[in-house]
Amino acid sequence: MSTITSSNSQDTDDDVVPSLTVSSSSSISDAKKEDTSPTQDKKKQDKRAADEVAEKLGVVPTATLEKPNQRKRASFWFRQWLTLSQILDPIRIPNSHVNYQCVWWKAISGNDANSPVRDGGLAYDMLPPLTRWAVASPLASKYPRFHHANVELRTKYLDNAMDQIIQKVRSAEEQKKCIRIVLMGGGYDLRLIRVAEHYESLLKEENDHGDNEQQQQQQQQNQFDLVELDLPRVIAAKSELLEKRFLRRRPELTDLVNRIRMIGVDLNKITQVETVVRAMLEGKDLDMEGNEIVPVADGVNAGDKANPMTTGSSECFTIFIFEAVLIYLDDQVPSRLLSILSQALKSRGESGAICFADTLLNVDCNRQDAAKLELEEHGWELQDWLPKPGRTRHMGWASLASG
């Protein structure tokens, strides 16, 4: 288990303006020196901690904490560009909790040839045609390492954690029939497509000898059940983006995209979430409002997308992914949500894990022991812990606790 200690920090995505108090008996210069030194020390501590995390993950360090004025200017002009981009975009999409910004940030890293999370232009292909050139290659590698670099850290950690979990599941003595990946509040992220495309290409290579093509394709589909849970309006907007923009640029991914079960649910509505999660684990088809799709008389589902997991029983190992989601939920909801997920898995006798680059409740100063207790209380056993400065300061993964 990896551990990097760092102090609880100000959100690196927010502007930090140190306060200044001047007493009548001190000069302004002396007051500045005295009152800003603790802030400067803290910034240095946070910078060291962020650099350690970046080095561990093989990511170029961020410049967020060392160039505040340049970051403010970059943020200002980025917001102006986004406003222009949305005006020129023929597809109107809601920007729920900076989801729209995140697509652009991930497109920058995705198009950077030197980034460990480069995606071959996947995120780039979600962007509007008239303005996306601003983050095309090689421009993508020229941007200062501010917001997109913080997102890059999260992305790389989650990639590593998921790879570790999937390899453990695939190498276990009792191999599961499938791996279910559930993206919780993922906005317009294409993580499920990236993961499934990568691992299913590996599976195809492994199965190239022996089975015919149809058997190989069915075996690959049964290996991954892909699910997204998010606000209904975000799910609807993402579906439109995928259909009208992404798949027109990437038609070869149509079958993979159509396998994703996109389910609308407000994660703050705990009772509704519990109902949806249990139905999802049972393999039921749910629509963009979280309602079950009732089969028609001839036995064919009324929905357009068939779920391969509904045909016969299929024991899955479920991975829930949280990236900058818990920080936006109502008070106490994050902890209750973790409990609901663990209880739902245990009620079916299934196993699973959670991966997170987010903020856990009741965990001060990035303490690993506090994170361990918080997760254990809600049914999870911490396996890896890598905190960093910023709002989404807690990165780690946990397996379903036994008993």
Protein backbone atom coordinates (compact mmCIF):
# COMPACT_ATOMS: atom_id res chain seq x y z
CA MET A 1 0.00 0.00 0.00
CA SER A 2 1.47 3.31 -1.05
CA THR A 3 1.40 6.29 1.25
CA ILE A 4 2.38 9.88 0.61
CA THR A 5 1.61 12.31 3.38
CA SER A 6 0.61 15.87 2.74
CA SER A 7 -1.15 18.61 4.59
CA ASN A 8 -4.80 19.39 4.00
CA SER A 9 -4.65 22.09 1.35
CA GLN A 10 -6.59 24.85 -0.27
CA ASP A 11 -8.28 23.75 -3.46
CA THR A 12 -5.70 24.10 -6.20
CA ASP A 13 -8.50 24.95 -8.62
CA ASP A 14 -9.42 28.07 -6.62
CA ASP A 15 -7.61 31.38 -6.50
CA VAL A 16 -5.68 31.78 -3.26
CA VAL A 17 -5.40 35.32 -1.92
CA PRO A 18 -3.42 35.46 1.35
CA SER A 19 -4.86 37.74 4.02
CA LEU A 20 -2.73 40.57 5.40
CA THR A 21 -3.07 42.18 8.83
CA VAL A 22 -0.92 45.16 9.81
CA SER A 23 -0.57 46.22 13.45
CA SER A 24 0.04 49.84 14.35
CA SER A 25 3.51 49.08 15.71
CA SER A 26 4.81 47.25 12.64
CA SER A 27 5.83 48.40 9.23
CA ILE A 28 3.94 47.16 6.19
CA SER A 29 6.98 45.27 4.93
CA ASP A 30 7.49 43.54 8.27
CA ALA A 31 3.81 42.62 8.44
CA LYS A 32 3.91 41.16 4.96
CA LYS A 33 6.96 39.12 5.82
CA GLU A 34 5.46 37.85 9.07
CA ASP A 35 1.93 37.13 7.86
CA THR A 36 2.65 35.58 4.49
CA SER A 37 5.44 33.25 5.60
CA PRO A 38 3.07 30.55 6.97
CA THR A 39 1.14 30.69 3.69
CA GLN A 40 4.35 30.42 1.70
CA ASP A 41 5.52 27.49 3.82
CA LYS A 42 2.22 25.73 3.24
CA LYS A 43 2.43 26.34 -0.49
CA LYS A 44 5.91 24.85 -0.52
CA GLN A 45 4.68 21.79 1.40
CA ASP A 46 1.79 21.36 -1.03
CA LYS A 47 4.12 21.78 -4.00
CA ARG A 48 6.47 19.10 -2.66
CA ALA A 49 3.53 16.76 -2.04
CA ALA A 50 2.09 17.36 -5.52
CA ASP A 51 5.50 16.78 -7.11
CA GLU A 52 5.91 13.50 -5.22
CA VAL A 53 2.54 12.27 -6.46
CA ALA A 54 3.38 13.32 -10.02
CA GLU A 55 6.72 11.53 -9.88
CA LYS A 56 5.12 8.38 -8.53
CA LEU A 57 2.55 8.37 -11.34
CA GLY A 58 5.02 9.30 -14.08
CA VAL A 59 3.25 12.59 -14.80
CA VAL A 60 4.92 15.96 -15.39
CA PRO A 61 4.35 18.04 -12.22
CA THR A 62 1.68 20.72 -12.20
CA ALA A 63 2.49 24.44 -12.04
CA THR A 64 -0.73 25.37 -10.24
CA LEU A 65 0.87 26.28 -6.92
CA GLU A 66 3.90 28.15 -8.18
CA LYS A 67 2.43 30.52 -10.80
CA PRO A 68 -0.82 31.88 -9.33
CA ASN A 69 -1.00 35.05 -11.43
CA GLN A 70 -0.37 33.23 -14.68
CA ARG A 71 -2.96 30.64 -13.66
CA LYS A 72 -5.55 33.36 -13.05
CA ARG A 73 -4.96 34.80 -16.51
CA ALA A 74 -5.13 31.33 -18.08
CA SER A 75 -8.38 30.61 -16.24
CA PHE A 76 -9.91 33.90 -17.42
CA TRP A 77 -9.10 33.34 -21.08
CA PHE A 78 -10.13 29.68 -20.90
CA ARG A 79 -13.57 30.72 -19.61
CA GLN A 80 -13.90 33.19 -22.49
CA TRP A 81 -12.97 30.48 -24.96
CA LEU A 82 -15.51 28.08 -23.48
CA THR A 83 -18.24 30.70 -23.74
CA LEU A 84 -17.42 31.27 -27.40
CA SER A 85 -17.22 27.53 -28.00
CA GLN A 86 -20.66 26.94 -26.50
CA ILE A 87 -22.16 29.73 -28.61
CA LEU A 88 -20.72 28.19 -31.78
CA ASP A 89 -21.57 24.61 -30.81
CA PRO A 90 -24.68 23.33 -32.65
CA ILE A 91 -25.23 20.81 -29.83
CA ARG A 92 -26.36 22.44 -26.59
CA ILE A 93 -25.10 20.56 -23.57
CA PRO A 94 -25.48 21.33 -19.86
CA ASN A 95 -22.35 22.19 -17.93
CA SER A 96 -23.05 20.40 -14.66
CA HIS A 97 -20.20 20.84 -12.14
CA VAL A 98 -17.58 21.76 -14.78
CA ASN A 99 -18.27 18.64 -16.87
CA TYR A 100 -17.82 20.67 -20.05
CA GLN A 101 -14.46 22.05 -18.90
CA CYS A 102 -13.27 18.54 -18.04
CA VAL A 103 -13.80 17.36 -21.62
CA TRP A 104 -11.47 20.11 -22.84
CA TRP A 105 -8.90 19.41 -20.12
CA LYS A 106 -8.90 15.70 -20.94
CA ALA A 107 -8.63 16.49 -24.64
CA ILE A 108 -5.45 18.50 -23.96
CA SER A 109 -3.82 15.55 -22.18
CA GLY A 110 -5.30 13.11 -24.68
CA ASN A 111 -3.63 14.91 -27.58
CA ASP A 112 -0.30 15.47 -25.83
CA ALA A 113 2.17 12.95 -27.23
CA ASN A 114 4.16 13.09 -23.98
CA SER A 115 1.21 12.47 -21.65
CA PRO A 116 0.87 9.05 -19.98
CA VAL A 117 -2.92 9.33 -20.46
CA ARG A 118 -2.93 10.23 -24.16
CA ASP A 119 -6.02 8.70 -25.73
CA GLY A 120 -5.48 8.96 -29.48
CA GLY A 121 -7.92 11.86 -29.73
CA LEU A 122 -10.96 10.22 -28.10
CA ALA A 123 -11.85 13.18 -25.88
CA TYR A 124 -10.95 15.53 -28.74
CA ASP A 125 -13.65 13.88 -30.86
CA MET A 126 -16.29 14.99 -28.35
CA LEU A 127 -15.49 18.67 -28.93
CA PRO A 128 -17.26 21.08 -31.33
CA PRO A 129 -15.85 21.31 -34.87
CA LEU A 130 -15.24 25.07 -35.06
CA THR A 131 -13.18 25.49 -31.87
CA ARG A 132 -11.53 22.18 -31.04
CA TRP A 133 -8.46 23.07 -33.09
CA ALA A 134 -7.23 25.02 -30.02
CA VAL A 135 -6.37 21.75 -28.24
CA ALA A 136 -5.24 19.76 -31.26
CA SER A 137 -1.78 18.22 -31.47
CA PRO A 138 0.87 19.66 -31.28
CA LEU A 139 -0.74 22.69 -29.60
CA ALA A 140 -1.90 20.46 -26.74
CA SER A 141 1.64 20.00 -25.45
CA LYS A 142 2.25 23.77 -25.28
CA TYR A 143 -0.29 24.65 -22.59
CA PRO A 144 0.93 25.59 -19.09
CA ARG A 145 0.34 22.79 -16.62
CA PHE A 146 -2.57 24.15 -14.61
CA HIS A 147 -6.09 22.69 -14.51
CA HIS A 148 -5.60 20.00 -17.13
CA ALA A 149 -2.48 18.77 -15.31
CA ASN A 150 -4.49 18.26 -12.10
CA VAL A 151 -7.06 16.26 -14.05
CA GLU A 152 -4.22 14.33 -15.67
CA LEU A 153 -3.01 13.22 -12.21
CA ARG A 154 -6.48 11.90 -11.35
CA THR A 155 -6.83 10.16 -14.69
CA LYS A 156 -3.48 8.43 -14.43
CA TYR A 157 -4.11 7.27 -10.87
CA LEU A 158 -7.50 5.81 -11.78
CA ASP A 159 -6.00 4.12 -14.86
CA ASN A 160 -3.37 2.47 -12.66
CA ALA A 161 -5.86 1.45 -9.98
CA MET A 162 -8.30 -0.06 -12.45
CA ASP A 163 -5.51 -1.92 -14.22
CA GLN A 164 -4.39 -3.37 -10.89
CA ILE A 165 -7.92 -4.48 -9.99
CA ILE A 166 -8.72 -5.95 -13.40
CA GLN A 167 -5.46 -7.91 -13.48
CA LYS A 168 -6.20 -9.29 -10.00
CA VAL A 169 -9.70 -10.36 -11.07
CA ARG A 170 -8.48 -11.97 -14.29
CA SER A 171 -5.69 -13.85 -12.52
CA ALA A 172 -7.85 -15.11 -9.65
CA GLU A 173 -8.39 -18.85 -9.30
CA GLU A 174 -12.16 -18.42 -9.59
CA GLN A 175 -12.41 -16.14 -12.59
CA LYS A 176 -15.57 -14.08 -12.84
CA LYS A 177 -17.67 -14.36 -15.97
CA CYS A 178 -17.56 -10.62 -16.39
CA ILE A 179 -16.19 -7.39 -15.00
CA ARG A 180 -18.79 -4.69 -14.52
CA ILE A 181 -17.46 -1.11 -14.59
CA VAL A 182 -19.81 1.56 -13.25
CA LEU A 183 -18.89 5.20 -13.85
CA MET A 184 -20.55 7.28 -11.14
CA GLY A 185 -21.35 10.85 -12.22
CA GLY A 186 -18.75 10.73 -14.99
CA GLY A 187 -20.22 13.55 -17.07
CA TYR A 188 -18.85 13.48 -20.62
CA ASP A 189 -15.83 11.34 -19.77
CA LEU A 190 -15.02 8.44 -22.13
CA ARG A 191 -13.29 6.25 -19.56
CA LEU A 192 -15.52 3.23 -20.20
CA ILE A 193 -14.75 3.31 -23.91
CA ARG A 194 -11.01 3.65 -23.29
CA VAL A 195 -10.93 0.79 -20.77
CA ALA A 196 -13.13 -1.62 -22.72
CA GLU A 197 -11.33 -0.93 -26.01
CA HIS A 198 -7.94 -1.57 -24.39
CA TYR A 199 -8.78 -4.76 -22.52
CA GLU A 200 -10.97 -6.29 -25.19
CA SER A 201 -8.18 -5.88 -27.73
CA LEU A 202 -5.95 -7.80 -25.30
CA LEU A 203 -8.61 -10.48 -24.92
CA LYS A 204 -8.91 -10.78 -28.68
CA GLU A 205 -5.17 -11.38 -28.95
CA GLU A 206 -5.36 -14.04 -26.23
CA ASN A 207 -8.31 -15.79 -27.89
CA ASP A 208 -7.09 -15.58 -31.47
CA HIS A 209 -6.25 -19.27 -31.55
CA GLY A 210 -9.15 -21.68 -31.26
CA ASP A 211 -12.56 -20.02 -31.17
CA ASN A 212 -14.28 -18.69 -34.25
CA GLU A 213 -14.88 -14.95 -34.68
CA GLN A 214 -18.48 -14.99 -33.43
CA GLN A 215 -17.53 -16.90 -30.26
CA GLN A 216 -14.63 -14.49 -29.65
CA GLN A 217 -16.89 -11.46 -29.98
CA GLN A 218 -19.48 -12.88 -27.59
CA GLN A 219 -16.78 -13.81 -25.08
CA GLN A 220 -15.35 -10.26 -25.20
CA GLN A 221 -18.79 -8.72 -24.65
CA ASN A 222 -19.42 -11.01 -21.71
CA GLN A 223 -16.14 -9.88 -20.16
CA PHE A 224 -17.27 -6.28 -19.60
CA ASP A 225 -20.60 -4.85 -18.54
CA LEU A 226 -20.37 -1.07 -18.98
CA VAL A 227 -22.65 1.23 -16.97
CA GLU A 228 -22.89 4.99 -16.40
CA LEU A 229 -24.99 6.65 -13.70
CA ASP A 230 -25.50 10.41 -13.87
CA LEU A 231 -28.14 13.11 -13.85
CA PRO A 232 -30.81 12.41 -16.50
CA ARG A 233 -30.08 15.69 -18.32
CA VAL A 234 -26.36 14.87 -18.46
CA ILE A 235 -27.04 11.33 -19.68
CA ALA A 236 -29.34 12.70 -22.40
CA ALA A 237 -26.76 15.28 -23.49
CA LYS A 238 -23.94 12.72 -23.54
CA SER A 239 -26.04 10.31 -25.58
CA GLU A 240 -26.65 13.09 -28.11
CA LEU A 241 -22.94 13.96 -28.23
CA LEU A 242 -21.99 10.33 -28.76
CA GLU A 243 -24.57 9.78 -31.49
CA LYS A 244 -24.35 13.05 -33.42
CA ARG A 245 -20.66 13.83 -33.05
CA PHE A 246 -18.41 11.14 -31.58
CA LEU A 247 -19.68 8.15 -33.58
CA ARG A 248 -19.70 10.11 -36.81
CA ARG A 249 -15.99 10.60 -36.25
CA ARG A 250 -15.47 7.10 -34.80
CA PRO A 251 -18.02 4.79 -36.52
CA GLU A 252 -15.87 1.76 -35.73
CA LEU A 253 -16.78 2.18 -32.03
CA THR A 254 -20.56 2.04 -32.58
CA ASP A 255 -21.03 -1.47 -31.19
CA LEU A 256 -18.95 -0.66 -28.11
CA VAL A 257 -20.80 2.60 -27.40
CA ASN A 258 -24.18 0.88 -27.85
CA ARG A 259 -23.26 -1.64 -25.14
CA ILE A 260 -22.96 1.07 -22.47
CA ARG A 261 -25.99 1.17 -20.19
CA MET A 262 -26.55 4.87 -19.59
CA ILE A 263 -28.87 5.34 -16.62
CA GLY A 264 -30.24 8.63 -15.34
CA VAL A 265 -30.31 9.13 -11.58
CA ASP A 266 -29.65 11.97 -9.14
CA LEU A 267 -26.94 10.67 -6.80
CA ASN A 268 -28.27 12.93 -4.04
CA LYS A 269 -31.54 10.97 -3.99
CA ILE A 270 -30.33 8.04 -1.97
CA THR A 271 -33.51 5.94 -2.09
CA GLN A 272 -33.68 6.24 -5.86
CA VAL A 273 -29.98 5.43 -6.18
CA GLU A 274 -30.40 2.26 -4.13
CA THR A 275 -33.29 1.10 -6.34
CA VAL A 276 -31.37 1.81 -9.52
CA VAL A 277 -28.14 0.16 -8.31
CA ARG A 278 -29.90 -3.03 -7.26
CA ALA A 279 -31.76 -3.20 -10.58
CA MET A 280 -28.52 -2.54 -12.45
CA LEU A 281 -26.73 -5.34 -10.59
CA GLU A 282 -29.57 -7.70 -11.50
CA GLY A 283 -28.95 -6.91 -15.16
CA LYS A 284 -32.25 -5.12 -15.73
CA ASP A 285 -32.48 -2.66 -18.60
CA LEU A 286 -33.05 0.88 -17.33
CA ASP A 287 -33.73 4.01 -19.38
CA MET A 288 -32.24 7.50 -19.14
CA GLU A 289 -34.64 8.33 -16.32
CA GLY A 290 -33.69 5.25 -14.29
CA ASN A 291 -36.95 3.43 -15.07
CA GLU A 292 -36.99 -0.24 -15.95
CA ILE A 293 -37.63 -1.02 -19.61
CA VAL A 294 -40.46 -3.55 -19.69
CA PRO A 295 -40.16 -6.29 -22.33
CA VAL A 296 -42.80 -6.25 -25.07
CA ALA A 297 -44.93 -9.27 -25.89
CA ASP A 298 -42.50 -10.87 -28.32
CA GLY A 299 -39.77 -10.90 -25.67
CA VAL A 300 -37.68 -8.15 -27.25
CA ASN A 301 -36.81 -5.23 -25.01
CA ALA A 302 -38.54 -1.97 -25.80
CA GLY A 303 -35.21 -0.11 -25.52
CA ASP A 304 -32.86 0.42 -28.43
CA LYS A 305 -29.81 -0.95 -26.64
CA ALA A 306 -29.72 -4.59 -25.68
CA ASN A 307 -27.89 -5.48 -22.51
CA PRO A 308 -25.78 -8.62 -22.97
CA MET A 309 -25.89 -9.23 -19.20
CA THR A 310 -29.65 -9.84 -19.20
CA THR A 311 -29.34 -13.07 -21.17
CA GLY A 312 -28.78 -15.69 -18.50
CA SER A 313 -27.09 -15.26 -15.13
CA SER A 314 -23.65 -13.73 -15.11
CA GLU A 315 -21.64 -13.32 -11.94
CA CYS A 316 -19.67 -10.09 -12.17
CA PHE A 317 -16.95 -8.33 -10.28
CA THR A 318 -18.15 -4.72 -10.05
CA ILE A 319 -15.87 -1.68 -10.01
CA PHE A 320 -17.45 1.66 -9.06
CA ILE A 321 -15.49 4.73 -10.19
CA PHE A 322 -15.69 8.16 -8.56
CA GLU A 323 -13.79 11.08 -10.08
CA ALA A 324 -14.57 14.52 -8.63
CA VAL A 325 -18.17 13.51 -7.83
CA LEU A 326 -18.46 13.14 -4.06
CA ILE A 327 -17.32 16.74 -3.52
CA TYR A 328 -20.50 17.98 -5.19
CA LEU A 329 -23.00 15.81 -3.29
CA ASP A 330 -25.12 16.98 -0.37
CA ASP A 331 -23.95 16.67 3.23
CA GLN A 332 -23.53 13.05 4.41
CA VAL A 333 -24.63 11.67 1.02
CA PRO A 334 -21.13 10.43 0.03
CA SER A 335 -20.86 8.15 3.07
CA ARG A 336 -24.42 6.86 2.65
CA LEU A 337 -23.72 6.20 -1.03
CA LEU A 338 -20.67 4.08 -0.17
CA SER A 339 -22.84 2.03 2.22
CA ILE A 340 -25.55 1.50 -0.39
CA LEU A 341 -23.05 0.19 -2.93
CA SER A 342 -21.40 -2.27 -0.52
CA GLN A 343 -24.77 -3.52 0.80
CA ALA A 344 -26.13 -4.01 -2.72
CA LEU A 345 -23.15 -6.17 -3.68
CA LYS A 346 -23.27 -8.20 -0.47
CA SER A 347 -27.01 -8.84 -0.82
CA ARG A 348 -26.28 -10.61 -4.13
CA GLY A 349 -23.19 -12.42 -2.87
CA GLU A 350 -21.02 -10.59 -5.38
CA SER A 351 -17.63 -8.98 -4.98
CA GLY A 352 -16.37 -5.60 -6.07
CA ALA A 353 -14.23 -2.53 -5.49
CA ILE A 354 -14.35 1.25 -5.59
CA CYS A 355 -11.76 3.51 -7.25
CA PHE A 356 -11.77 7.16 -6.33
CA ALA A 357 -10.02 10.44 -7.07
CA ASP A 358 -12.32 12.55 -4.96
CA THR A 359 -12.82 13.71 -1.37
CA LEU A 360 -14.01 11.35 1.37
CA LEU A 361 -16.00 12.62 4.33
CA ASN A 362 -14.48 12.58 7.81
CA VAL A 363 -10.91 12.39 6.53
CA ASP A 364 -8.85 15.36 7.70
CA CYS A 365 -5.28 16.17 6.70
CA ASN A 366 -5.20 13.32 4.18
CA ARG A 367 -4.71 10.79 6.99
CA GLN A 368 -4.62 7.20 5.79
CA ASP A 369 -5.88 5.84 9.12
CA ALA A 370 -8.93 8.13 8.94
CA ALA A 371 -9.63 7.03 5.37
CA LYS A 372 -9.34 3.40 6.40
CA LEU A 373 -11.87 3.87 9.21
CA GLU A 374 -14.29 5.83 7.03
CA LEU A 375 -14.28 3.15 4.36
CA GLU A 376 -14.50 0.25 6.81
CA GLU A 377 -17.55 1.85 8.42
CA HIS A 378 -19.30 1.72 5.06
CA GLY A 379 -18.28 -1.76 3.97
CA TRP A 380 -14.96 -1.29 2.17
CA GLU A 381 -11.36 -2.26 2.87
CA LEU A 382 -8.72 0.25 1.80
CA GLN A 383 -6.07 -1.26 -0.51
CA ASP A 384 -4.20 1.78 -1.81
CA TRP A 385 -3.96 5.42 -0.71
CA LEU A 386 -2.29 8.31 -2.54
CA PRO A 387 -3.46 11.76 -1.38
CA LYS A 388 -2.58 15.00 -3.12
CA PRO A 389 -3.27 18.73 -2.68
CA GLY A 390 -6.52 20.13 -4.07
CA ARG A 391 -10.23 19.54 -3.62
CA THR A 392 -10.11 16.02 -5.07
CA ARG A 393 -7.32 15.27 -2.64
CA HIS A 394 -8.09 11.61 -1.86
CA MET A 395 -6.99 9.03 -4.40
CA GLY A 396 -7.20 5.34 -3.66
CA TRP A 397 -9.09 2.14 -4.11
CA ALA A 398 -10.83 -0.26 -1.75
CA SER A 399 -12.21 -3.78 -2.05
CA LEU A 400 -15.52 -4.98 -0.68
CA ALA A 401 -15.03 -5.96 2.94
CA SER A 402 -15.81 -9.55 3.86
CA GLY A 403 -18.57 -10.35 6.33
